Amino acid sequence: MIVVTGATGNVGRPLVELLAAAGEKVTAVNRGPAAGLPAGVTHRQGDLADVDGLEGLFEGAEAVHLLVAGLGDELSPRKIVAAAVAAGVRRIVFQSSQLVGTRTGSVSHEILRAFETAVRESGLDWTVLRPGGFASNAFLWAEQVRSARTVAAPFADVALPVVDPADIAEVAARALRDPAHAGRTYVLTGPVAVSPREQVDALARAVGAPVQFVALSASEARARLVRFLPADAVDGMLAVMGEPHEEEQRVSPDVERVLGRAPRPFSAWAERNAPAFG
């Protein structure tokens, strides 16, 4: 049996669907109710912050996909991993971030570094996934596109190889089911670097209507984002978007190595999610 935490998110939901379609027995775990799960999938409501209840969530699992909601500052990485060990789990796939490797001094990613260490030192088979920026971050623009056919964003022409969450899910599914991926750390990106302006052009094609790009300054963008995201997370995000390291702009070969095909481009994500922007 495979336990998927964060099972209703951008990665968790397609991961649950992939595993169920492959015939795996799956338990989907998240904090709230879950609707629309595939037939045969068990749902358990739980919180990784509730350490005393974790053994029950992991009970009977051969493998666990561990995803930390938000920055996970309230969590105890070693206690969570120890609960998995105590429950008899044999394999953990941890979804981390590329920034753990590229921004080693980042305070906002200290908790992910702690999780990586706990997973690697657990004695279990482990795989660490380090995705770059998500294509699905473009959902932040959905209301602007629907209401005004406009996107206001900073760093119009700074390009990053954003990754489709569906590709992260597919890599995670392989790692959960195949021990050949044990002891590996995979950096997951899209097939080509795309700028915010190019992403907006792709969204315009997907919805079949012109979408205007309005350039924001970094300070204007920060003022908007801190309304609904932690300030540390916003500052880290803007640092990567505005002044990415060379490694953060590089296309990683790991999606293709694992899946045997090129990663999905941002345009494919935009076409698949066009109704949200319509």
Protein backbone atom coordinates (compact mmCIF):
# COMPACT_ATOMS: atom_id res chain seq x y z
CA MET A 1 0.00 0.00 0.00
CA ILE A 2 1.19 3.52 -0.81
CA VAL A 3 0.31 6.57 1.29
CA VAL A 4 0.20 9.94 -0.46
CA THR A 5 0.21 13.01 1.78
CA GLY A 6 -1.05 16.32 0.40
CA ALA A 7 -3.26 14.15 -1.76
CA THR A 8 -5.56 16.86 -3.14
CA GLY A 9 -2.88 19.31 -4.33
CA ASN A 10 -1.34 20.04 -7.71
CA VAL A 11 1.00 17.04 -7.40
CA GLY A 12 -0.85 14.83 -4.93
CA ARG A 13 -4.08 14.49 -6.90
CA PRO A 14 -2.50 13.39 -10.21
CA LEU A 15 -0.15 11.13 -8.24
CA VAL A 16 -3.07 9.37 -6.56
CA GLU A 17 -4.74 8.96 -9.96
CA LEU A 18 -1.58 7.52 -11.54
CA LEU A 19 -1.02 5.03 -8.74
CA ALA A 20 -4.65 3.94 -8.70
CA ALA A 21 -4.65 3.49 -12.49
CA ALA A 22 -1.53 1.31 -12.13
CA GLY A 23 -3.44 -0.99 -9.78
CA GLU A 24 -1.76 0.10 -6.56
CA LYS A 25 -3.61 0.17 -3.26
CA VAL A 26 -3.54 3.85 -2.33
CA THR A 27 -4.37 5.82 0.81
CA ALA A 28 -4.84 9.54 0.20
CA VAL A 29 -4.09 11.75 3.21
CA ASN A 30 -4.89 15.43 3.61
CA ARG A 31 -6.10 17.82 6.28
CA GLY A 32 -9.66 18.22 5.08
CA PRO A 33 -12.34 16.24 3.26
CA ALA A 34 -11.45 14.87 -0.16
CA ALA A 35 -13.83 14.67 -3.11
CA GLY A 36 -13.35 13.14 -6.51
CA LEU A 37 -10.77 10.52 -5.60
CA PRO A 38 -10.54 7.49 -7.91
CA ALA A 39 -12.60 4.44 -7.08
CA GLY A 40 -10.88 2.15 -4.60
CA VAL A 41 -8.70 4.86 -3.04
CA THR A 42 -8.92 5.10 0.74
CA HIS A 43 -9.05 8.57 2.27
CA ARG A 44 -7.65 9.39 5.68
CA GLN A 45 -7.99 12.85 7.16
CA GLY A 46 -4.86 13.79 9.07
CA ASP A 47 -2.21 16.39 9.71
CA LEU A 48 1.56 15.87 9.69
CA ALA A 49 1.74 18.24 12.66
CA ASP A 50 -0.18 15.67 14.74
CA VAL A 51 2.81 13.46 15.50
CA ASP A 52 0.84 11.18 17.83
CA GLY A 53 -1.52 10.24 15.00
CA LEU A 54 1.08 9.62 12.32
CA GLU A 55 1.69 5.93 12.91
CA GLY A 56 -2.01 5.37 12.31
CA LEU A 57 -1.85 7.33 9.04
CA PHE A 58 1.17 5.33 7.84
CA GLU A 59 0.01 1.95 9.14
CA GLY A 60 0.18 -0.77 6.51
CA ALA A 61 2.13 1.34 4.02
CA GLU A 62 5.02 -0.02 2.01
CA ALA A 63 5.85 3.45 0.65
CA VAL A 64 5.00 7.07 1.47
CA HIS A 65 5.01 10.16 -0.68
CA LEU A 66 5.83 12.94 1.76
CA LEU A 67 4.75 16.43 0.78
CA VAL A 68 4.93 19.38 3.16
CA ALA A 69 2.15 21.95 2.81
CA GLY A 70 3.42 25.51 2.65
CA LEU A 71 6.84 25.83 4.26
CA GLY A 72 6.01 23.34 7.01
CA ASP A 73 7.59 25.41 9.77
CA GLU A 74 5.30 23.86 12.38
CA LEU A 75 6.47 20.32 11.60
CA SER A 76 9.09 18.05 13.16
CA PRO A 77 10.93 16.27 10.32
CA ARG A 78 12.65 13.64 12.48
CA LYS A 79 9.47 12.74 14.39
CA ILE A 80 7.48 12.42 11.17
CA VAL A 81 10.08 10.19 9.55
CA ALA A 82 10.45 8.17 12.77
CA ALA A 83 6.68 7.55 12.74
CA ALA A 84 6.98 6.17 9.22
CA VAL A 85 9.81 3.88 10.31
CA ALA A 86 7.81 2.71 13.35
CA ALA A 87 4.80 1.97 11.14
CA GLY A 88 6.89 -0.37 8.96
CA VAL A 89 7.26 1.89 5.91
CA ARG A 90 10.13 0.78 3.69
CA ARG A 91 10.37 3.63 1.16
CA ILE A 92 9.90 7.41 1.32
CA VAL A 93 9.74 9.78 -1.62
CA PHE A 94 10.11 13.33 -0.34
CA GLN A 95 9.05 16.32 -2.42
CA SER A 96 11.54 19.07 -1.66
CA SER A 97 12.61 22.07 -3.77
CA GLN A 98 15.41 22.87 -6.18
CA LEU A 99 16.15 25.88 -3.97
CA VAL A 100 17.44 23.58 -1.21
CA GLY A 101 20.41 22.98 -3.48
CA THR A 102 20.75 26.39 -5.14
CA ARG A 103 19.89 28.72 -2.22
CA THR A 104 21.70 27.03 0.64
CA GLY A 105 21.43 30.10 2.86
CA SER A 106 17.70 30.52 2.39
CA VAL A 107 15.95 30.70 5.77
CA SER A 108 12.59 29.88 4.21
CA HIS A 109 13.87 26.48 3.02
CA GLU A 110 15.59 25.35 6.21
CA ILE A 111 12.68 23.05 7.04
CA LEU A 112 12.99 21.28 3.68
CA ARG A 113 16.72 20.80 4.27
CA ALA A 114 15.87 19.28 7.66
CA PHE A 115 13.37 16.91 6.03
CA GLU A 116 15.92 15.84 3.42
CA THR A 117 18.43 15.06 6.17
CA ALA A 118 15.86 13.12 8.21
CA VAL A 119 14.80 11.08 5.18
CA ARG A 120 18.37 10.29 4.12
CA GLU A 121 19.32 9.23 7.65
CA SER A 122 16.17 7.14 8.21
CA GLY A 123 17.61 3.80 7.15
CA LEU A 124 14.76 3.46 4.63
CA ASP A 125 14.96 3.52 0.86
CA TRP A 126 14.54 7.16 -0.09
CA THR A 127 14.23 9.40 -3.11
CA VAL A 128 14.29 13.20 -2.98
CA LEU A 129 12.52 15.23 -5.66
CA ARG A 130 13.66 18.83 -6.12
CA PRO A 131 11.28 20.55 -8.54
CA GLY A 132 11.95 24.04 -9.78
CA GLY A 133 9.19 26.60 -10.19
CA PHE A 134 5.76 25.13 -10.89
CA ALA A 135 3.86 25.87 -14.10
CA SER A 136 0.77 25.92 -11.89
CA ASN A 137 2.00 29.12 -10.19
CA ALA A 138 0.33 30.76 -13.19
CA PHE A 139 -3.01 30.07 -11.46
CA LEU A 140 -2.20 33.27 -9.54
CA TRP A 141 -3.06 35.07 -12.77
CA ALA A 142 -6.34 33.28 -13.45
CA GLU A 143 -8.70 35.92 -12.05
CA GLN A 144 -6.87 38.71 -13.91
CA VAL A 145 -7.12 36.80 -17.18
CA ARG A 146 -10.80 35.93 -16.71
CA SER A 147 -11.93 39.41 -15.67
CA ALA A 148 -9.67 41.74 -17.64
CA ARG A 149 -7.60 39.64 -20.10
CA THR A 150 -4.57 41.14 -18.37
CA VAL A 151 -1.64 39.79 -16.36
CA ALA A 152 0.40 42.09 -14.11
CA ALA A 153 3.72 40.52 -13.11
CA PRO A 154 7.39 41.42 -12.53
CA PHE A 155 10.54 40.37 -14.40
CA ALA A 156 8.78 40.11 -17.76
CA ASP A 157 11.67 38.63 -19.70
CA VAL A 158 13.54 36.57 -17.09
CA ALA A 159 13.11 32.95 -18.15
CA LEU A 160 12.98 29.85 -15.94
CA PRO A 161 12.26 26.20 -16.94
CA VAL A 162 9.05 25.80 -14.94
CA VAL A 163 7.88 22.22 -14.42
CA ASP A 164 4.42 20.75 -14.94
CA PRO A 165 3.11 19.27 -11.66
CA ALA A 166 1.87 16.29 -13.69
CA ASP A 167 5.51 15.47 -14.50
CA ILE A 168 6.45 15.69 -10.82
CA ALA A 169 3.62 13.28 -10.05
CA GLU A 170 4.73 10.86 -12.75
CA VAL A 171 8.33 10.85 -11.49
CA ALA A 172 7.06 10.36 -7.93
CA ALA A 173 4.93 7.40 -9.05
CA ARG A 174 7.97 5.74 -10.62
CA ALA A 175 10.08 6.33 -7.51
CA LEU A 176 7.38 4.98 -5.19
CA ARG A 177 6.98 1.77 -7.18
CA ASP A 178 10.54 1.02 -8.33
CA PRO A 179 13.42 0.51 -5.86
CA ALA A 180 15.88 1.38 -8.63
CA HIS A 181 15.31 5.04 -7.72
CA ALA A 182 16.43 4.59 -4.11
CA GLY A 183 19.19 6.91 -2.97
CA ARG A 184 18.62 9.36 -5.83
CA THR A 185 17.99 13.10 -5.78
CA TYR A 186 16.20 14.35 -8.90
CA VAL A 187 16.00 17.99 -10.00
CA LEU A 188 12.79 18.40 -11.99
CA THR A 189 12.29 21.16 -14.55
CA GLY A 190 10.43 21.79 -17.76
CA PRO A 191 12.01 21.34 -21.21
CA VAL A 192 12.88 24.99 -21.84
CA ALA A 193 13.14 28.23 -19.91
CA VAL A 194 10.10 30.49 -20.42
CA SER A 195 9.63 34.07 -19.26
CA PRO A 196 6.45 35.47 -17.68
CA ARG A 197 5.73 37.29 -20.95
CA GLU A 198 6.05 34.03 -22.89
CA GLN A 199 3.81 32.26 -20.38
CA VAL A 200 1.14 34.91 -20.86
CA ASP A 201 1.41 34.47 -24.64
CA ALA A 202 0.86 30.73 -24.17
CA LEU A 203 -2.18 31.39 -21.98
CA ALA A 204 -3.59 33.74 -24.62
CA ARG A 205 -3.28 31.01 -27.23
CA ALA A 206 -4.90 28.51 -24.88
CA VAL A 207 -7.94 30.70 -24.17
CA GLY A 208 -8.17 31.96 -27.74
CA ALA A 209 -8.09 35.65 -26.83
CA PRO A 210 -5.44 38.39 -26.47
CA VAL A 211 -4.03 38.81 -22.96
CA GLN A 212 -2.11 41.99 -22.16
CA PHE A 213 1.09 41.80 -20.10
CA VAL A 214 1.56 44.65 -17.61
CA ALA A 215 5.03 44.90 -16.09
CA LEU A 216 5.24 45.38 -12.30
CA SER A 217 8.24 46.48 -10.31
CA ALA A 218 9.58 44.04 -7.73
CA SER A 219 8.19 46.20 -4.90
CA GLU A 220 4.75 46.34 -6.51
CA ALA A 221 4.73 42.57 -6.93
CA ARG A 222 5.82 42.05 -3.33
CA ALA A 223 3.03 44.27 -2.02
CA ARG A 224 0.48 42.16 -3.88
CA LEU A 225 1.90 38.76 -2.95
CA VAL A 226 2.33 39.35 0.80
CA ARG A 227 -1.44 39.71 1.07
CA PHE A 228 -1.77 35.93 0.85
CA LEU A 229 1.74 34.42 1.13
CA PRO A 230 4.33 34.57 3.95
CA ALA A 231 6.79 37.42 3.51
CA ASP A 232 9.83 35.09 3.62
CA ALA A 233 8.33 32.94 0.87
CA VAL A 234 7.56 36.00 -1.26
CA ASP A 235 11.08 37.40 -0.87
CA GLY A 236 12.58 34.05 -1.83
CA MET A 237 10.27 33.73 -4.82
CA LEU A 238 11.07 37.21 -6.11
CA ALA A 239 14.81 36.64 -5.66
CA VAL A 240 14.65 33.56 -7.88
CA MET A 241 12.35 35.20 -10.43
CA GLY A 242 14.41 38.38 -10.69
CA GLU A 243 17.98 37.17 -10.28
CA PRO A 244 18.06 33.41 -10.88
CA HIS A 245 21.29 31.49 -10.50
CA GLU A 246 22.64 29.84 -13.64
CA GLU A 247 21.63 26.43 -12.29
CA GLU A 248 18.05 27.61 -11.76
CA GLN A 249 17.83 28.57 -15.44
CA ARG A 250 19.33 25.31 -16.64
CA VAL A 251 17.08 22.53 -17.94
CA SER A 252 17.60 19.37 -15.87
CA PRO A 253 17.74 16.00 -17.67
CA ASP A 254 16.14 14.14 -14.74
CA VAL A 255 12.50 14.08 -15.90
CA GLU A 256 13.57 12.55 -19.21
CA ARG A 257 15.97 10.13 -17.46
CA VAL A 258 13.18 8.78 -15.27
CA LEU A 259 10.24 8.89 -17.69
CA GLY A 260 11.99 8.24 -20.99
CA ARG A 261 10.40 11.29 -22.59
CA ALA A 262 10.88 15.04 -22.57
CA PRO A 263 9.10 17.08 -19.88
CA ARG A 264 5.81 18.71 -20.81
CA PRO A 265 6.18 22.36 -21.96
CA PHE A 266 4.34 25.23 -20.28
CA SER A 267 2.11 25.52 -23.35
CA ALA A 268 0.75 22.00 -22.69
CA TRP A 269 -0.03 22.94 -19.10
CA ALA A 270 -1.79 26.10 -20.32
CA GLU A 271 -3.92 24.18 -22.82
CA ARG A 272 -4.90 21.58 -20.23
CA ASN A 273 -5.90 24.26 -17.71
CA ALA A 274 -7.42 26.79 -20.09
CA PRO A 275 -10.91 26.55 -18.51
CA ALA A 276 -9.53 28.11 -15.31
CA PHE A 277 -8.51 31.18 -17.33
CA GLY A 278 -11.54 31.33 -19.62
